[in-house]
Protein backbone atom coordinates (compact mmCIF):
# COMPACT_ATOMS: atom_id res chain seq x y z
CA UNK A 1 -0.09 0.01 0.10
CA UNK A 2 1.87 2.83 -1.41
CA UNK A 3 -0.49 4.83 -3.66
CA UNK A 4 -4.01 4.80 -2.18
CA UNK A 5 -7.12 6.52 -3.01
CA UNK A 6 -9.92 6.94 -0.50
CA UNK A 7 -13.20 7.32 -2.21
CA UNK A 8 -16.81 7.76 -1.07
CA UNK A 9 -19.57 10.37 -1.14
CA UNK A 10 -19.48 13.68 0.68
CA UNK A 11 -19.36 13.04 4.52
CA UNK A 12 -18.55 9.43 4.20
CA UNK A 13 -15.35 9.92 6.27
CA UNK A 14 -12.67 10.26 3.51
CA UNK A 15 -10.52 12.91 5.00
CA UNK A 16 -10.72 11.20 8.53
CA UNK A 17 -9.56 7.86 6.99
CA UNK A 18 -7.07 9.45 5.01
CA UNK A 19 -5.44 11.34 7.78
CA UNK A 20 -5.09 8.23 10.02
CA UNK A 21 -3.84 6.26 7.26
CA UNK A 22 -1.27 8.96 6.42
CA UNK A 23 0.06 8.77 10.04
CA UNK A 24 0.06 5.07 10.38
CA UNK A 25 1.74 4.45 6.84
CA UNK A 26 3.96 7.57 6.99
CA UNK A 27 2.51 8.57 3.60
CA UNK A 28 1.74 12.14 2.33
CA UNK A 29 -2.08 12.90 2.12
CA UNK A 30 -3.57 15.05 -0.74
CA UNK A 31 -7.06 16.19 -0.61
CA UNK A 32 -8.79 16.74 -3.85
CA UNK A 33 -10.87 19.63 -2.39
CA UNK A 34 -7.63 21.49 -1.65
CA UNK A 35 -6.59 21.07 -5.30
CA UNK A 36 -9.97 22.12 -6.59
CA UNK A 37 -11.28 24.85 -4.36
CA UNK A 38 -9.96 28.26 -3.54
CA UNK A 39 -10.47 30.19 -0.29
CA UNK A 40 -13.24 32.40 -1.62
CA UNK A 41 -15.31 29.18 -2.53
CA UNK A 42 -14.66 29.27 -6.35
CA UNK A 43 -12.79 26.69 -7.97
CA UNK A 44 -9.82 26.35 -10.29
CA UNK A 45 -10.37 25.29 -14.01
CA UNK A 46 -10.52 21.49 -15.00
CA UNK A 47 -7.26 22.01 -16.64
CA UNK A 48 -5.58 23.46 -13.71
CA UNK A 49 -7.00 20.83 -11.35
CA UNK A 50 -5.99 18.06 -13.84
CA UNK A 51 -2.42 19.48 -14.01
CA UNK A 52 -2.21 19.59 -10.21
CA UNK A 53 -3.57 15.99 -9.98
CA UNK A 54 -0.99 14.66 -12.55
CA UNK A 55 1.82 16.16 -10.45
CA UNK A 56 0.70 14.28 -7.45
CA UNK A 57 0.18 11.14 -9.32
CA UNK A 58 3.68 11.17 -10.45
CA UNK A 59 4.92 10.48 -6.97
CA UNK A 60 5.84 6.98 -6.05
CA UNK A 61 3.95 7.22 -2.60
CA UNK A 62 0.62 9.04 -1.71
CA UNK A 63 -2.99 8.93 -0.32
CA UNK A 64 -5.40 10.95 -2.16
CA UNK A 65 -8.88 11.41 -0.91
CA UNK A 66 -11.85 12.61 -2.66
CA UNK A 67 -14.54 11.41 -5.02
CA UNK A 68 -14.61 13.67 -8.18
CA UNK A 69 -15.89 11.26 -10.68
CA UNK A 70 -14.37 12.91 -13.62
CA UNK A 71 -10.80 11.95 -12.50
CA UNK A 72 -11.49 8.85 -10.71
CA UNK A 73 -10.43 6.57 -13.69
CA UNK A 74 -7.09 8.58 -13.79
CA UNK A 75 -6.47 7.75 -10.08
CA UNK A 76 -7.61 4.26 -10.36
CA UNK A 77 -5.07 3.68 -13.20
CA UNK A 78 -2.21 4.67 -10.88
CA UNK A 79 -3.20 3.37 -7.40
CA UNK A 80 -2.47 0.10 -5.80
CA UNK A 81 -5.26 0.40 -3.35
CA UNK A 82 -8.63 1.82 -3.26
CA UNK A 83 -10.50 2.23 0.09
CA UNK A 84 -14.05 2.55 -0.69
CA UNK A 85 -16.32 4.22 2.12
CA UNK A 86 -19.68 2.89 1.05
CA UNK A 87 -21.62 4.30 3.89
CA UNK A 88 -25.43 4.98 4.14
CA UNK A 89 -26.78 8.44 3.18
CA UNK A 90 -27.90 9.22 6.82
CA UNK A 91 -24.20 8.68 8.00
CA UNK A 92 -22.84 11.31 5.37
CA UNK A 93 -25.54 13.85 6.32
CA UNK A 94 -24.77 13.51 10.00
CA UNK A 95 -21.07 13.92 9.30
CA UNK A 96 -21.59 16.95 7.04
CA UNK A 97 -23.61 18.61 9.89
CA UNK A 98 -21.24 17.75 12.68
CA UNK A 99 -18.23 19.39 10.82
CA UNK A 100 -20.07 22.70 10.34
CA UNK A 101 -18.02 25.57 11.99
CA UNK A 102 -14.77 23.20 12.21
CA UNK A 103 -11.41 24.15 10.68
CA UNK A 104 -10.31 21.25 8.57
CA UNK A 105 -7.08 20.63 6.51
CA UNK A 106 -9.14 19.22 3.70
CA UNK A 107 -11.14 22.33 2.74
CA UNK A 108 -9.75 25.90 2.29
CA UNK A 109 -12.55 27.65 4.27
CA UNK A 110 -14.75 26.88 7.39
CA UNK A 111 -18.30 25.57 6.32
CA UNK A 112 -21.16 27.63 7.93
CA UNK A 113 -24.63 26.37 8.48
CA UNK A 114 -25.73 27.65 5.01
CA UNK A 115 -22.89 25.70 3.29
CA UNK A 116 -23.79 22.59 5.09
CA UNK A 117 -27.22 22.57 4.46
CA UNK A 118 -26.59 23.30 0.67
CA UNK A 119 -24.29 20.37 0.66
CA UNK A 120 -26.70 18.23 2.28
CA UNK A 121 -29.42 18.87 -0.30
CA UNK A 122 -26.90 18.14 -3.02
CA UNK A 123 -25.91 14.89 -1.55
CA UNK A 124 -29.58 13.99 -1.21
CA UNK A 125 -30.11 14.74 -4.74
CA UNK A 126 -27.14 12.94 -6.13
CA UNK A 127 -26.43 10.08 -3.67
CA UNK A 128 -27.82 7.23 -5.87
CA UNK A 129 -26.51 8.64 -9.12
CA UNK A 130 -22.85 8.94 -7.58
CA UNK A 131 -22.96 5.64 -5.79
CA UNK A 132 -23.93 3.97 -9.21
CA UNK A 133 -21.13 5.63 -11.07
CA UNK A 134 -18.52 4.86 -8.32
CA UNK A 135 -19.48 1.17 -8.36
CA UNK A 136 -19.45 1.02 -12.16
CA UNK A 137 -15.96 2.25 -12.35
CA UNK A 138 -14.85 0.00 -9.53
CA UNK A 139 -16.37 -2.93 -11.35
CA UNK A 140 -14.04 -2.28 -14.36
CA UNK A 141 -11.01 -1.90 -12.23
CA UNK A 142 -8.26 -4.52 -12.49
CA UNK A 143 -5.00 -4.88 -10.47
CA UNK A 144 -6.16 -2.65 -7.59
CA UNK A 145 -6.94 -3.92 -4.17
CA UNK A 146 -10.49 -2.65 -3.15
CA UNK A 147 -11.27 -2.37 0.38
CA UNK A 148 -14.88 -1.62 0.93
CA UNK A 149 -16.14 -0.38 4.34
CA UNK A 150 -19.72 0.16 5.05
CA UNK A 151 -19.94 1.78 8.54
CA UNK A 152 -18.05 3.70 11.14
CA UNK A 153 -17.45 0.53 12.95
CA UNK A 154 -15.95 -1.33 9.95
CA UNK A 155 -13.89 1.88 9.20
CA UNK A 156 -12.44 1.98 12.80
CA UNK A 157 -12.02 -1.80 12.74
CA UNK A 158 -9.98 -1.55 9.71
CA UNK A 159 -7.81 1.34 10.76
CA UNK A 160 -7.04 -0.24 14.16
CA UNK A 161 -5.99 -3.52 12.33
CA UNK A 162 -3.19 -1.65 10.58
């Protein structure tokens, strides 16, 4: 496990898992949200984002967290392990609301209540579609160890086993 992606829907715990993995495995962690978003809540162009991502992927060791369907195939082609957080919708919504007002290292601003509620509505609207896309891409993936975790208990048990 030297090139790991941590994927799942918003609020599934990607940054939490990545942070612990980074410390346990002594690997650098890259958050796709930090490559994509600016402090003023605008985003970089797809071209700039892709270039930043390609620079990370050139390295021999990394953990990359984030879903970003458009670039998932690019990451799957380079990783050796995909940790899939396949948690229920309610779990994601609870996590999104819990982190409101918290300084995080995976986002260049602090989410306020309005940000969180907007994100909750977006997650509700896109949950099934994003989950189906993720699973379809994973079904086509070869030569990558896929670790699927479906609850906080499974996530914590896995991290504790390392």
